[in-house]
Amino acid sequence: MRFSTRMLLLQLACVTVVVAICTGVFVGIGVQQLRAEAATSALSIARTVAANSDVRAGVARASADSGTPTNASLRGGPLSALAAAAEANTGALFIVITDDHGIRLAHPDPQLLGAVVSTEFAEALAGRETVSWASGTLGESARAKVPVRDPGTDEPVGEVSVGFAPSSVFKELPLLLGGVALAATVALALGAVVSFVIRRRLERLTLGLQPEEMSALVQNQAAVLDGVGDGVLAYGPNHVVTVANTMAARLLGIPDLVGRRVLDLALPAPVIAALAGESKQLSPGGRGSDAADPVVVANHVVYIDTHPVSRANRNLGMIAVIRDRTDVVNLTDRLESVATMSDALRVQRHEFANRLHVTAGLIDAGRVPDARDYLDDVLQASRTPGGSSAGEYLTEPFLVSLVEAKAAQASERGVQLTVGSDSLVRGVVSAPEDVATVVANLIDNAVNAAVHGQRPRWVDVEFLDDGDTLVVSVSDSGQGVPTGVRVFSDVQRTGLDPGAVHGRGIGLPLVRDIAAQRGGDVWLADAGGREGSGAVFCARLPGVMQAPAREVQGEK
């Protein structure tokens, strides 16, 4: 039997029991009320009869007589006639009048006149009124006993007993039971309808799943969510998060995701758009692309894929899969920097080999002075500010090679890359990968900005070292960073106007993360935007420099 059917039957059983109990209580209260009404009516009639002057006088005379009245003398007497008339008017079962010895002076059965009553009469002679259900010669009845007082002394000299038969008391009971039965039937019908509606509602909310199926579903969900390496986030049509695993909370940097609206999360706008499935970009051909775009959140480069979820043609919301690609993008940028360095070193090696060939040829031809002049010209060119290596201001081999490689790339795009005259690097780079990633990214962003700026297009780089810390400053001739743009958080790599913002948006958060891992930072020193002056970015990288080898040997 299905769980919903069992629940329906259980609810019907509960409703039936409750209705039965309420019906029994109501019927009991109704019966007690009828009994109380009968006793009250009997007491009122008894009081009225006992207060009659003829009754009081007749009972007083009978009590004063020392003899016992005979049956014949009482039949048809005034008290019997008065009692019979009262019975006929009130519908009572009996009205009995006695003297102070309990002798019946009036009774519905004439044969019992002159005999002692079968019930107790001492309470009435003591001046107290009593109401009870008792059995006598006429059967069970609701009866009331009231003392009859002497007209002269007001002392009790007899009693009046009035009784109602159960048939007359409960003549309204069928109507009462009918009303109760009708109310009980309506209550049962209403309970059945409500139980059926609850069953349908339960099946709709659970999508027809039974408890054992939902238990297995929860177990499978927990196993899947905790077993995958990606973040999983699900929310309903109202954008309220219903499912979020630990990886999703870690990547988004928000521990309590469940129960919150996606649109209200403290996340950058591109991330919110990606989670809501609104970040689909247009391909160059103008067609929609389903490929997820990388976004930056909490120092992570993530790809967010969203998929609608439905069951039985009913929209259940969206599920977002968040993939961390920080390491991949970081490694890609470092590989690009290494490739750039390799190309620069290959060009330098080729140029150096050519110069050696020229020098060797001049010496072999016996033209030593010419060879000397040639070497002087090469050395002078390398020391010229703004030259290929800018050796006058920068002598660290790794940085020289990196700047020369980037200068060659910038030159191809019509941008002149120079080393500032305030540069001073005395140590040697000990972490080339981190330095290459940070410096190359800042230079690439500056070149991109300069390309879309006004002529002349230039990029200026300055290096300073302090112990093991390297400080880099990169400025350009671009249009600067627009006001309100957060280049380290809410800029996507794709779909941007290169002239609208400074940089590409993904590299800047990455290099800041690399610097932060070393205890440093990357920041926007000047947003620029003035005539002929673009943005200025600075980076501080602790632990990437060391003293030259000759200084270390000298200290030893």
Protein backbone atom coordinates (compact mmCIF):
# COMPACT_ATOMS: atom_id res chain seq x y z
CA MET A 1 0.00 0.00 0.00
CA ARG A 2 1.32 3.42 -0.93
CA PHE A 3 2.34 5.82 1.83
CA SER A 4 -0.19 8.44 0.73
CA THR A 5 -2.99 5.83 0.89
CA ARG A 6 -1.91 4.74 4.36
CA MET A 7 -1.86 8.37 5.45
CA LEU A 8 -5.38 8.87 4.03
CA LEU A 9 -6.73 5.84 5.91
CA LEU A 10 -4.99 6.89 9.11
CA GLN A 11 -6.43 10.38 8.87
CA LEU A 12 -9.92 8.98 8.23
CA ALA A 13 -9.57 6.68 11.24
CA CYS A 14 -8.46 9.57 13.43
CA VAL A 15 -11.33 11.75 12.22
CA THR A 16 -13.81 8.91 12.85
CA VAL A 17 -12.55 8.35 16.40
CA VAL A 18 -12.63 12.07 17.18
CA VAL A 19 -16.16 12.43 15.77
CA ALA A 20 -17.33 9.35 17.71
CA ILE A 21 -15.91 10.68 20.97
CA CYS A 22 -17.42 14.12 20.40
CA THR A 23 -20.78 12.53 19.49
CA GLY A 24 -20.78 10.43 22.66
CA VAL A 25 -19.92 13.40 24.83
CA PHE A 26 -22.57 15.55 23.17
CA VAL A 27 -25.25 12.87 23.54
CA GLY A 28 -24.29 12.38 27.19
CA ILE A 29 -24.52 16.09 27.84
CA GLY A 30 -27.90 16.20 26.07
CA VAL A 31 -29.30 13.32 28.14
CA GLN A 32 -28.10 14.91 31.36
CA GLN A 33 -29.69 18.16 30.31
CA LEU A 34 -33.03 16.44 29.62
CA ARG A 35 -32.87 14.70 32.99
CA ALA A 36 -32.11 18.00 34.71
CA GLU A 37 -34.99 19.70 32.90
CA ALA A 38 -37.38 16.91 33.95
CA ALA A 39 -36.28 17.16 37.58
CA THR A 40 -36.67 20.92 37.50
CA SER A 41 -40.18 20.64 36.06
CA ALA A 42 -41.14 18.07 38.70
CA LEU A 43 -39.87 20.33 41.47
CA SER A 44 -41.79 23.33 40.13
CA ILE A 45 -45.05 21.36 39.89
CA ALA A 46 -44.55 19.91 43.38
CA ARG A 47 -43.98 23.37 44.82
CA THR A 48 -47.11 24.69 43.12
CA VAL A 49 -49.28 21.82 44.42
CA ALA A 50 -47.78 22.02 47.95
CA ALA A 51 -48.50 25.73 48.09
CA ASN A 52 -52.20 25.27 47.23
CA SER A 53 -54.32 26.33 50.22
CA ASP A 54 -56.78 23.46 49.82
CA VAL A 55 -53.94 20.97 49.78
CA ARG A 56 -52.36 22.52 52.85
CA ALA A 57 -55.66 22.52 54.75
CA GLY A 58 -56.60 18.99 53.72
CA VAL A 59 -53.21 17.54 54.62
CA ALA A 60 -53.23 19.41 57.97
CA ARG A 61 -56.61 17.91 58.86
CA ALA A 62 -55.51 14.43 57.90
CA SER A 63 -52.36 14.72 59.95
CA ALA A 64 -54.26 16.06 62.98
CA ASP A 65 -56.59 13.06 62.90
CA SER A 66 -55.14 10.36 65.13
CA GLY A 67 -56.74 7.60 63.08
CA THR A 68 -55.76 6.26 59.71
CA PRO A 69 -58.06 7.25 56.84
CA THR A 70 -59.61 4.36 54.92
CA ASN A 71 -59.26 3.76 51.20
CA ALA A 72 -62.96 4.27 50.68
CA SER A 73 -62.95 7.64 52.41
CA LEU A 74 -60.10 8.90 50.29
CA ARG A 75 -61.43 7.83 46.89
CA GLY A 76 -62.95 10.72 45.04
CA GLY A 77 -61.90 13.10 47.81
CA PRO A 78 -60.88 16.72 47.16
CA LEU A 79 -57.15 15.94 47.32
CA SER A 80 -57.45 13.10 44.81
CA ALA A 81 -59.45 15.28 42.46
CA LEU A 82 -56.98 18.12 42.74
CA ALA A 83 -54.00 15.79 42.12
CA ALA A 84 -55.73 14.14 39.13
CA ALA A 85 -56.41 17.56 37.60
CA ALA A 86 -52.79 18.61 38.07
CA GLU A 87 -51.58 15.35 36.46
CA ALA A 88 -53.78 15.94 33.45
CA ASN A 89 -52.60 19.55 33.08
CA THR A 90 -48.84 18.88 33.47
CA GLY A 91 -48.50 15.41 31.91
CA ALA A 92 -46.79 14.09 35.03
CA LEU A 93 -46.61 10.34 35.63
CA PHE A 94 -47.96 10.80 39.13
CA ILE A 95 -48.73 13.39 41.81
CA VAL A 96 -48.86 11.85 45.28
CA ILE A 97 -49.95 13.66 48.47
CA THR A 98 -49.23 12.17 51.92
CA ASP A 99 -49.72 13.14 55.56
CA ASP A 100 -47.08 13.22 58.26
CA HIS A 101 -47.13 9.39 58.54
CA GLY A 102 -46.61 8.80 54.85
CA ILE A 103 -50.22 7.76 54.24
CA ARG A 104 -51.20 8.33 50.62
CA LEU A 105 -54.01 10.92 50.55
CA ALA A 106 -53.89 11.22 46.74
CA HIS A 107 -52.46 8.74 44.23
CA PRO A 108 -53.03 7.83 40.54
CA ASP A 109 -53.85 4.26 41.61
CA PRO A 110 -56.97 4.40 43.85
CA GLN A 111 -56.23 1.01 45.35
CA LEU A 112 -53.09 2.39 46.98
CA LEU A 113 -54.89 5.21 48.80
CA GLY A 114 -54.59 4.95 52.57
CA ALA A 115 -51.35 2.94 52.36
CA VAL A 116 -47.85 4.09 53.25
CA VAL A 117 -45.74 5.30 50.35
CA SER A 118 -42.94 3.02 49.12
CA THR A 119 -40.26 5.71 49.13
CA GLU A 120 -38.60 7.70 51.89
CA PHE A 121 -40.53 10.78 53.08
CA ALA A 122 -38.50 11.82 56.15
CA GLU A 123 -36.61 14.54 54.24
CA ALA A 124 -39.84 16.30 53.30
CA LEU A 125 -41.16 16.12 56.89
CA ALA A 126 -37.89 17.71 57.95
CA GLY A 127 -38.73 20.67 55.69
CA ARG A 128 -36.25 19.88 52.87
CA GLU A 129 -36.96 19.55 49.15
CA THR A 130 -35.40 16.59 47.27
CA VAL A 131 -34.95 15.80 43.56
CA SER A 132 -33.90 12.33 42.33
CA TRP A 133 -34.37 9.48 39.89
CA ALA A 134 -35.92 6.55 41.76
CA SER A 135 -38.18 3.54 41.28
CA GLY A 136 -41.52 3.21 42.99
CA THR A 137 -44.82 1.43 42.51
CA LEU A 138 -45.21 3.20 39.13
CA GLY A 139 -41.70 2.42 37.94
CA GLU A 140 -38.62 4.56 37.44
CA SER A 141 -39.18 8.27 37.24
CA ALA A 142 -37.67 11.68 37.73
CA ARG A 143 -39.29 12.84 40.94
CA ALA A 144 -39.33 15.80 43.30
CA LYS A 145 -40.59 15.83 46.89
CA VAL A 146 -41.72 19.06 48.57
CA PRO A 147 -43.03 19.45 52.15
CA VAL A 148 -46.66 20.54 52.74
CA ARG A 149 -46.83 23.04 55.55
CA ASP A 150 -49.63 23.63 58.10
CA PRO A 151 -51.50 26.87 57.26
CA GLY A 152 -51.44 27.97 60.87
CA THR A 153 -48.01 26.92 62.17
CA ASP A 154 -46.11 26.59 58.85
CA GLU A 155 -44.73 23.27 60.10
CA PRO A 156 -44.33 20.35 57.66
CA VAL A 157 -47.40 18.08 57.97
CA GLY A 158 -46.97 16.02 54.78
CA GLU A 159 -45.44 15.94 51.34
CA VAL A 160 -46.21 16.28 47.65
CA SER A 161 -44.30 13.93 45.33
CA VAL A 162 -44.34 14.59 41.54
CA GLY A 163 -42.75 12.24 38.99
CA PHE A 164 -42.18 12.12 35.19
CA ALA A 165 -41.78 8.86 33.29
CA PRO A 166 -38.55 8.37 31.25
CA SER A 167 -40.62 8.15 28.05
CA SER A 168 -41.88 11.68 28.56
CA VAL A 169 -38.48 12.94 29.69
CA PHE A 170 -36.64 11.63 26.60
CA LYS A 171 -39.32 12.26 24.00
CA GLU A 172 -36.99 14.88 22.45
CA LEU A 173 -34.02 12.51 22.47
CA PRO A 174 -34.63 11.17 18.91
CA LEU A 175 -34.50 14.71 17.56
CA LEU A 176 -31.32 15.33 19.52
CA LEU A 177 -29.76 12.10 18.28
CA GLY A 178 -30.78 12.94 14.73
CA GLY A 179 -29.06 16.31 14.92
CA VAL A 180 -25.95 14.77 16.43
CA ALA A 181 -25.90 12.06 13.75
CA LEU A 182 -26.26 14.66 11.01
CA ALA A 183 -23.42 16.76 12.47
CA ALA A 184 -21.25 13.66 12.84
CA THR A 185 -21.90 12.67 9.23
CA VAL A 186 -21.03 16.15 7.98
CA ALA A 187 -17.87 16.15 10.11
CA LEU A 188 -16.82 12.74 8.75
CA ALA A 189 -17.49 13.86 5.17
CA LEU A 190 -15.54 17.05 5.70
CA GLY A 191 -12.68 15.09 7.29
CA ALA A 192 -12.62 12.70 4.35
CA VAL A 193 -12.50 15.57 1.86
CA VAL A 194 -9.74 17.35 3.78
CA SER A 195 -7.76 14.10 4.08
CA PHE A 196 -8.08 13.54 0.33
CA VAL A 197 -6.94 17.11 -0.39
CA ILE A 198 -3.98 16.68 1.97
CA ARG A 199 -3.07 13.45 0.19
CA ARG A 200 -3.14 15.14 -3.20
CA ARG A 201 -1.13 18.06 -1.84
CA LEU A 202 1.43 15.71 -0.31
CA GLU A 203 1.84 13.80 -3.56
CA ARG A 204 2.24 17.07 -5.43
CA LEU A 205 4.87 18.40 -3.03
CA THR A 206 6.83 15.15 -3.06
CA LEU A 207 6.38 14.71 -6.83
CA GLY A 208 4.75 11.36 -6.18
CA LEU A 209 7.76 10.00 -4.29
CA GLN A 210 7.23 7.69 -1.33
CA PRO A 211 9.13 8.10 1.98
CA GLU A 212 11.48 5.23 1.24
CA GLU A 213 12.18 6.73 -2.17
CA MET A 214 12.83 10.15 -0.63
CA SER A 215 15.15 8.56 1.96
CA ALA A 216 17.15 6.87 -0.79
CA LEU A 217 17.13 10.13 -2.75
CA VAL A 218 18.57 12.04 0.21
CA GLN A 219 21.28 9.43 0.70
CA ASN A 220 22.19 9.48 -2.99
CA GLN A 221 22.16 13.27 -3.03
CA ALA A 222 24.48 13.48 -0.02
CA ALA A 223 26.82 10.92 -1.57
CA VAL A 224 26.90 12.71 -4.92
CA LEU A 225 27.24 16.23 -3.53
CA ASP A 226 30.04 15.29 -1.15
CA GLY A 227 31.74 13.04 -3.69
CA VAL A 228 32.14 15.45 -6.60
CA GLY A 229 34.99 17.92 -6.81
CA ASP A 230 32.81 20.70 -8.26
CA GLY A 231 30.43 23.02 -6.50
CA VAL A 232 26.74 22.26 -6.90
CA LEU A 233 24.06 24.87 -6.27
CA ALA A 234 20.32 24.36 -6.82
CA TYR A 235 17.47 26.80 -6.39
CA GLY A 236 13.76 26.84 -7.14
CA PRO A 237 11.69 29.11 -9.37
CA ASN A 238 11.68 31.72 -6.61
CA HIS A 239 15.52 31.81 -6.74
CA VAL A 240 15.81 30.52 -3.16
CA VAL A 241 18.78 28.15 -2.74
CA THR A 242 17.64 24.66 -1.70
CA VAL A 243 20.84 22.62 -2.19
CA ALA A 244 24.48 23.66 -1.86
CA ASN A 245 27.44 21.41 -1.19
CA THR A 246 30.59 22.30 0.71
CA MET A 247 32.60 22.99 -2.44
CA ALA A 248 30.04 25.55 -3.67
CA ALA A 249 30.19 27.38 -0.34
CA ARG A 250 34.00 27.39 -0.44
CA LEU A 251 34.26 28.63 -4.04
CA LEU A 252 31.66 31.36 -3.53
CA GLY A 253 33.02 32.31 -0.10
CA ILE A 254 29.56 32.14 1.54
CA PRO A 255 29.07 29.41 4.17
CA ASP A 256 25.26 29.62 4.61
CA LEU A 257 23.81 29.44 1.11
CA VAL A 258 20.69 27.33 1.71
CA GLY A 259 17.56 29.39 2.27
CA ARG A 260 18.91 32.57 0.69
CA ARG A 261 17.92 34.11 -2.66
CA VAL A 262 20.56 33.92 -5.37
CA LEU A 263 19.91 37.51 -6.42
CA ASP A 264 20.54 38.70 -2.84
CA LEU A 265 23.91 37.00 -2.36
CA ALA A 266 26.92 39.25 -1.69
CA LEU A 267 28.64 38.31 -4.95
CA PRO A 268 29.86 40.32 -7.97
CA ALA A 269 27.30 41.07 -10.66
CA PRO A 270 28.84 38.70 -13.28
CA VAL A 271 28.71 35.82 -10.77
CA ILE A 272 25.05 36.54 -9.95
CA ALA A 273 24.26 36.68 -13.66
CA ALA A 274 26.10 33.40 -14.26
CA LEU A 275 24.28 31.67 -11.38
CA ALA A 276 20.95 32.95 -12.69
CA GLY A 277 21.77 31.63 -16.17
CA GLU A 278 21.94 35.11 -17.70
CA SER A 279 25.63 35.14 -18.70
CA LYS A 280 25.32 33.58 -22.16
CA GLN A 281 27.53 35.59 -24.53
CA LEU A 282 27.18 36.08 -28.25
CA SER A 283 29.73 34.44 -30.45
CA PRO A 284 31.46 36.53 -33.16
CA GLY A 285 28.91 35.25 -35.67
CA GLY A 286 26.07 36.60 -33.59
CA ARG A 287 24.81 33.19 -32.42
CA GLY A 288 24.27 32.26 -28.81
CA SER A 289 26.99 30.22 -27.16
CA ASP A 290 26.27 27.69 -24.41
CA ALA A 291 29.87 27.66 -23.22
CA ALA A 292 30.29 29.02 -19.74
CA ASP A 293 32.43 32.12 -19.34
CA PRO A 294 35.01 32.36 -16.58
CA VAL A 295 34.19 34.65 -13.69
CA VAL A 296 36.23 35.68 -10.69
CA VAL A 297 34.90 35.29 -7.16
CA ALA A 298 36.73 35.07 -3.84
CA ASN A 299 40.16 34.84 -5.54
CA HIS A 300 38.98 31.94 -7.68
CA VAL A 301 38.50 31.73 -11.43
CA VAL A 302 35.42 29.58 -11.89
CA TYR A 303 33.25 28.34 -14.71
CA ILE A 304 29.52 28.26 -13.93
CA ASP A 305 27.23 26.01 -15.96
CA THR A 306 23.47 26.29 -15.35
CA HIS A 307 20.80 23.82 -16.38
CA PRO A 308 17.01 24.01 -15.90
CA VAL A 309 15.39 21.21 -13.90
CA SER A 310 11.86 19.97 -14.52
CA ARG A 311 9.71 16.94 -13.72
CA ALA A 312 6.37 16.05 -15.28
CA ASN A 313 6.43 19.32 -17.27
CA ARG A 314 6.79 21.27 -14.03
CA ASN A 315 9.58 23.82 -13.63
CA LEU A 316 11.57 23.00 -10.49
CA GLY A 317 14.23 25.68 -10.87
CA MET A 318 17.89 25.65 -11.89
CA ILE A 319 21.02 23.76 -10.95
CA ALA A 320 24.43 25.42 -11.25
CA VAL A 321 27.71 23.50 -11.46
CA ILE A 322 30.68 25.58 -10.32
CA ARG A 323 34.09 24.39 -11.56
CA ASP A 324 37.28 25.80 -10.10
CA ARG A 325 39.77 26.61 -12.84
CA THR A 326 42.07 28.88 -10.85
CA ASP A 327 45.03 26.51 -11.00
CA VAL A 328 44.51 25.85 -14.70
CA VAL A 329 44.31 29.54 -15.62
CA ASN A 330 47.22 30.34 -13.32
CA LEU A 331 49.32 27.61 -14.88
CA THR A 332 48.33 28.78 -18.36
CA ASP A 333 49.43 32.32 -17.61
CA ARG A 334 52.72 31.05 -16.21
CA LEU A 335 53.28 28.87 -19.24
CA GLU A 336 52.62 31.89 -21.45
CA SER A 337 55.19 33.85 -19.45
CA VAL A 338 57.71 31.02 -19.75
CA ALA A 339 57.05 30.78 -23.49
CA THR A 340 57.56 34.52 -23.82
CA MET A 341 60.84 34.26 -21.91
CA SER A 342 61.94 31.35 -24.04
CA ASP A 343 61.24 33.28 -27.23
CA ALA A 344 63.11 36.29 -25.90
CA LEU A 345 66.11 34.19 -24.89
CA ARG A 346 66.10 32.45 -28.26
CA VAL A 347 66.11 35.83 -30.04
CA GLN A 348 68.88 37.10 -27.76
CA ARG A 349 70.92 33.95 -28.30
CA HIS A 350 70.53 34.29 -32.06
CA GLU A 351 71.45 38.00 -31.92
CA PHE A 352 74.40 37.26 -29.63
CA ALA A 353 75.61 34.55 -32.01
CA ASN A 354 75.40 36.96 -34.93
CA ARG A 355 77.42 39.57 -33.01
CA LEU A 356 80.03 36.96 -32.15
CA HIS A 357 80.28 36.01 -35.81
CA VAL A 358 80.73 39.65 -36.81
CA THR A 359 83.36 40.20 -34.13
CA ALA A 360 85.16 36.96 -35.02
CA GLY A 361 85.12 37.92 -38.72
CA LEU A 362 86.62 41.34 -38.03
CA ILE A 363 89.34 39.83 -35.85
CA ASP A 364 90.14 37.11 -38.42
CA ALA A 365 90.45 39.83 -41.08
CA GLY A 366 92.94 41.62 -38.89
CA ARG A 367 90.63 44.53 -38.30
CA VAL A 368 90.93 44.56 -34.53
CA PRO A 369 90.21 48.32 -34.16
CA ASP A 370 87.01 47.89 -36.14
CA ALA A 371 86.02 44.94 -33.96
CA ARG A 372 86.67 47.07 -30.89
CA ASP A 373 84.56 49.92 -32.23
CA TYR A 374 81.76 47.47 -33.07
CA LEU A 375 81.72 46.06 -29.53
CA ASP A 376 81.67 49.60 -28.10
CA ASP A 377 78.64 50.46 -30.26
CA VAL A 378 76.80 47.30 -29.12
CA LEU A 379 77.54 48.05 -25.47
CA GLN A 380 76.44 51.68 -25.83
CA ALA A 381 73.18 50.67 -27.50
CA SER A 382 72.35 48.31 -24.60
CA ARG A 383 72.82 51.17 -22.12
CA THR A 384 70.64 53.66 -23.95
CA PRO A 385 67.44 54.53 -22.05
CA GLY A 386 64.48 53.05 -23.86
CA GLY A 387 66.74 50.73 -25.79
CA SER A 388 66.13 47.06 -26.34
CA SER A 389 67.26 46.10 -22.84
CA ALA A 390 67.33 49.46 -21.06
CA GLY A 391 70.49 48.26 -19.38
CA GLU A 392 71.30 51.67 -17.94
CA TYR A 393 68.45 51.37 -15.42
CA LEU A 394 67.97 47.59 -15.16
CA THR A 395 70.71 44.98 -15.01
CA GLU A 396 69.02 41.95 -13.36
CA PRO A 397 69.25 39.27 -16.10
CA PHE A 398 65.81 37.73 -15.64
CA LEU A 399 64.01 41.06 -15.53
CA VAL A 400 66.01 42.36 -18.49
CA SER A 401 65.05 39.32 -20.55
CA LEU A 402 61.39 39.59 -19.51
CA VAL A 403 61.20 43.31 -20.31
CA GLU A 404 62.93 42.83 -23.66
CA ALA A 405 60.51 40.07 -24.62
CA LYS A 406 57.53 42.19 -23.67
CA ALA A 407 59.07 45.21 -25.41
CA ALA A 408 59.28 43.20 -28.62
CA GLN A 409 55.65 42.15 -28.33
CA ALA A 410 54.56 45.71 -27.52
CA SER A 411 56.51 47.07 -30.46
CA GLU A 412 54.57 44.79 -32.80
CA ARG A 413 51.38 46.48 -31.56
CA GLY A 414 52.78 49.98 -31.93
CA VAL A 415 53.51 50.53 -28.22
CA GLN A 416 56.90 51.58 -26.83
CA LEU A 417 57.85 49.79 -23.61
CA THR A 418 60.51 51.48 -21.49
CA VAL A 419 62.08 51.04 -18.07
CA GLY A 420 61.78 54.07 -15.80
CA SER A 421 64.88 55.97 -14.76
CA ASP A 422 64.03 55.47 -11.06
CA SER A 423 64.42 51.70 -11.34
CA LEU A 424 66.97 50.11 -9.05
CA VAL A 425 67.32 46.35 -8.63
CA ARG A 426 70.40 45.11 -6.78
CA GLY A 427 69.35 41.55 -6.04
CA VAL A 428 68.58 38.52 -8.19
CA VAL A 429 65.12 37.09 -8.84
CA SER A 430 64.65 33.85 -6.86
CA ALA A 431 61.00 33.14 -7.80
CA PRO A 432 60.92 33.66 -11.56
CA GLU A 433 57.53 32.01 -12.10
CA ASP A 434 55.60 34.31 -9.74
CA VAL A 435 57.54 37.39 -10.90
CA ALA A 436 56.98 36.54 -14.57
CA THR A 437 53.25 35.94 -14.02
CA VAL A 438 52.66 39.18 -12.14
CA VAL A 439 54.89 41.47 -14.22
CA ALA A 440 53.87 40.00 -17.59
CA ASN A 441 50.18 40.30 -16.73
CA LEU A 442 50.49 43.93 -15.64
CA ILE A 443 52.50 44.78 -18.76
CA ASP A 444 50.02 42.96 -21.04
CA ASN A 445 47.11 44.86 -19.49
CA ALA A 446 48.98 48.15 -19.86
CA VAL A 447 49.80 47.43 -23.52
CA ASN A 448 46.14 46.59 -24.20
CA ALA A 449 45.10 49.88 -22.64
CA ALA A 450 47.77 51.85 -24.52
CA VAL A 451 46.72 50.38 -27.86
CA HIS A 452 43.29 51.97 -27.43
CA GLY A 453 44.68 55.25 -26.11
CA GLN A 454 45.98 58.33 -27.82
CA ARG A 455 49.37 58.61 -29.50
CA PRO A 456 52.13 58.39 -28.59
CA ARG A 457 51.41 54.94 -27.18
CA TRP A 458 53.76 53.96 -24.41
CA VAL A 459 54.12 51.81 -21.31
CA ASP A 460 56.60 52.58 -18.55
CA VAL A 461 57.80 49.99 -16.03
CA GLU A 462 59.79 50.68 -12.87
CA PHE A 463 61.42 48.13 -10.54
CA LEU A 464 62.68 48.58 -6.98
CA ASP A 465 63.91 45.92 -4.58
CA ASP A 466 64.20 46.10 -0.83
CA GLY A 467 65.80 43.01 0.65
CA ASP A 468 63.76 40.06 -0.61
CA THR A 469 60.84 42.25 -1.77
CA LEU A 470 60.33 43.44 -5.33
CA VAL A 471 58.10 46.45 -6.04
CA VAL A 472 56.80 46.96 -9.59
CA SER A 473 55.02 50.00 -11.02
CA VAL A 474 53.42 49.90 -14.50
CA SER A 475 51.89 52.99 -16.15
CA ASP A 476 50.50 53.49 -19.64
CA SER A 477 49.09 56.07 -22.03
CA GLY A 478 45.62 54.53 -22.17
CA GLN A 479 42.27 55.98 -21.21
CA GLY A 480 42.52 54.91 -17.58
CA VAL A 481 40.06 52.95 -15.47
CA PRO A 482 36.47 54.27 -15.57
CA THR A 483 34.96 55.38 -12.27
CA GLY A 484 33.09 52.65 -10.44
CA VAL A 485 34.75 49.73 -12.25
CA ARG A 486 36.25 47.17 -9.86
CA VAL A 487 38.98 45.66 -11.97
CA PHE A 488 39.91 43.10 -9.33
CA SER A 489 36.47 41.56 -8.87
CA ASP A 490 33.59 42.12 -11.28
CA VAL A 491 35.07 42.15 -14.80
CA GLN A 492 34.76 39.17 -17.10
CA ARG A 493 37.32 38.17 -19.67
CA THR A 494 34.92 37.74 -22.57
CA GLY A 495 32.40 40.07 -24.14
CA LEU A 496 34.20 43.29 -23.15
CA ASP A 497 34.97 46.43 -25.05
CA PRO A 498 38.78 46.62 -24.80
CA GLY A 499 38.62 50.38 -24.62
CA ALA A 500 36.04 50.41 -21.85
CA VAL A 501 38.12 49.08 -18.99
CA HIS A 502 41.76 48.59 -18.14
CA GLY A 503 42.95 45.01 -18.56
CA ARG A 504 41.09 41.77 -19.17
CA GLY A 505 39.64 41.16 -15.75
CA ILE A 506 40.82 37.61 -15.07
CA GLY A 507 44.58 38.18 -14.79
CA LEU A 508 44.34 41.01 -12.27
CA PRO A 509 42.56 38.94 -9.59
CA LEU A 510 44.98 36.11 -10.26
CA VAL A 511 48.12 38.21 -9.82
CA ARG A 512 46.62 39.77 -6.70
CA ASP A 513 46.02 36.26 -5.38
CA ILE A 514 49.61 35.26 -6.18
CA ALA A 515 50.92 38.35 -4.40
CA ALA A 516 48.60 37.75 -1.43
CA GLN A 517 49.90 34.20 -1.06
CA ARG A 518 53.36 35.69 -0.54
CA GLY A 519 52.09 38.36 1.83
CA GLY A 520 52.11 41.09 -0.82
CA ASP A 521 49.50 42.90 -2.84
CA VAL A 522 48.58 44.31 -6.25
CA TRP A 523 46.67 47.58 -6.32
CA LEU A 524 45.51 50.43 -8.56
CA ALA A 525 47.67 53.38 -7.62
CA ASP A 526 46.10 55.86 -10.08
CA ALA A 527 42.99 55.39 -12.19
CA GLY A 528 44.31 57.90 -14.75
CA GLY A 529 42.01 59.21 -17.44
CA ARG A 530 43.80 62.54 -17.82
CA GLU A 531 45.31 63.87 -21.05
CA GLY A 532 48.13 61.53 -22.11
CA SER A 533 48.08 59.60 -18.83
CA GLY A 534 46.50 56.24 -18.20
CA ALA A 535 46.24 54.02 -15.15
CA VAL A 536 49.09 53.11 -12.82
CA PHE A 537 49.17 49.63 -11.24
CA CYS A 538 51.62 48.62 -8.52
CA ALA A 539 52.64 45.25 -7.12
CA ARG A 540 54.61 44.29 -4.02
CA LEU A 541 56.06 40.78 -4.03
CA PRO A 542 57.86 39.71 -0.82
CA GLY A 543 60.26 36.76 -0.89
CA VAL A 544 61.03 36.82 -4.63
CA MET A 545 64.53 38.39 -4.47
CA GLN A 546 67.88 37.33 -3.06
CA ALA A 547 71.31 38.95 -2.83
CA PRO A 548 73.71 38.44 -5.77
CA ALA A 549 75.99 35.41 -5.54
CA ARG A 550 79.18 37.51 -5.22
CA GLU A 551 77.74 39.41 -2.23
CA VAL A 552 76.75 36.16 -0.54
CA GLN A 553 80.27 34.76 -1.05
CA GLY A 554 81.79 38.01 0.29
CA GLU A 555 79.72 37.77 3.45
CA LYS A 556 80.93 34.23 4.01
